């Protein structure tokens, strides 16, 4: 899956949990879910569960702990989809 399409799908998953709309509008690969988008840690777990459903993948705990920004989330999703 192309990175741009993957990021668009990821944005759809993240949107309901975002507390900072301006940061969401300016989302880049460097955007941090907690610091930039103000997603709390409980909602970050919900995002990861939603990602598993949307992309039909399973994310292990080690990968889950690394999914703190868009770039890392994209890398992990791409690796799991292979």
Protein backbone atom coordinates (compact mmCIF):
# COMPACT_ATOMS: atom_id res chain seq x y z
CA UNK A 1 0.00 0.00 0.00
CA UNK A 2 1.32 3.44 -0.90
CA UNK A 3 2.47 5.56 2.02
CA UNK A 4 0.09 8.44 1.18
CA UNK A 5 -2.93 6.13 1.15
CA UNK A 6 -1.78 4.52 4.38
CA UNK A 7 -1.39 7.93 6.05
CA UNK A 8 -4.88 8.96 4.86
CA UNK A 9 -6.36 5.81 6.42
CA UNK A 10 -4.36 6.40 9.58
CA UNK A 11 -5.73 9.95 9.80
CA UNK A 12 -9.28 8.57 9.63
CA UNK A 13 -8.50 6.23 12.54
CA UNK A 14 -6.84 8.93 14.66
CA UNK A 15 -9.33 11.78 14.03
CA UNK A 16 -11.95 10.86 16.68
CA UNK A 17 -9.29 10.89 19.42
CA UNK A 18 -7.51 14.15 18.51
CA UNK A 19 -7.68 16.98 21.05
CA UNK A 20 -5.73 19.53 18.98
CA UNK A 21 -7.53 20.12 15.69
CA UNK A 22 -4.92 22.56 14.37
CA UNK A 23 -2.11 20.03 14.84
CA UNK A 24 -4.29 17.42 13.12
CA UNK A 25 -4.77 19.69 10.09
CA UNK A 26 -0.98 20.08 9.87
CA UNK A 27 -0.26 16.37 10.43
CA UNK A 28 3.06 15.15 9.02
CA UNK A 29 5.16 12.02 9.50
CA UNK A 30 6.85 13.77 12.44
CA UNK A 31 3.54 14.41 14.27
CA UNK A 32 3.56 12.88 17.75
CA UNK A 33 0.23 11.39 18.84
CA UNK A 34 0.53 12.41 22.51
CA UNK A 35 2.55 15.67 22.42
CA UNK A 36 1.19 17.19 19.20
CA UNK A 37 -2.33 15.78 18.82
CA UNK A 38 -2.93 15.63 22.61
CA UNK A 39 -4.18 12.02 22.44
CA UNK A 40 -4.17 10.51 25.93
CA UNK A 41 -2.48 7.17 26.55
CA UNK A 42 -5.77 5.28 26.98
CA UNK A 43 -6.98 6.56 23.62
CA UNK A 44 -3.65 5.62 22.07
CA UNK A 45 -4.49 2.01 22.90
CA UNK A 46 -7.88 2.48 21.21
CA UNK A 47 -6.14 3.90 18.13
CA UNK A 48 -3.85 0.87 17.95
CA UNK A 49 -6.81 -1.51 18.26
CA UNK A 50 -8.60 0.41 15.50
CA UNK A 51 -5.46 0.24 13.33
CA UNK A 52 -5.43 -3.54 13.77
CA UNK A 53 -9.04 -3.71 12.55
CA UNK A 54 -8.66 -1.27 9.64
CA UNK A 55 -5.45 -2.79 8.28
CA UNK A 56 -6.24 -6.39 9.31
CA UNK A 57 -2.95 -6.79 11.17
CA UNK A 58 -1.84 -7.78 14.66
CA UNK A 59 0.42 -5.42 16.57
CA UNK A 60 2.55 -6.95 19.32
CA UNK A 61 3.33 -5.13 22.58
CA UNK A 62 6.87 -4.20 21.52
CA UNK A 63 5.59 -2.54 18.34
CA UNK A 64 2.74 -0.93 20.26
CA UNK A 65 5.20 0.81 22.59
CA UNK A 66 7.01 2.30 19.58
CA UNK A 67 3.90 3.72 17.87
CA UNK A 68 4.17 7.22 19.27
CA UNK A 69 4.31 9.21 16.04
CA UNK A 70 2.93 8.98 12.52
CA UNK A 71 6.22 7.89 10.92
CA UNK A 72 6.74 4.96 13.32
CA UNK A 73 3.09 3.92 13.03
CA UNK A 74 3.38 3.87 9.22
CA UNK A 75 6.62 1.84 9.39
CA UNK A 76 5.05 -0.73 11.73
CA UNK A 77 1.83 -1.01 9.69
CA UNK A 78 3.83 -1.50 6.48
CA UNK A 79 6.02 -4.16 8.12
CA UNK A 80 2.98 -6.05 9.47
CA UNK A 81 1.16 -5.97 6.11
CA UNK A 82 3.94 -7.85 4.29
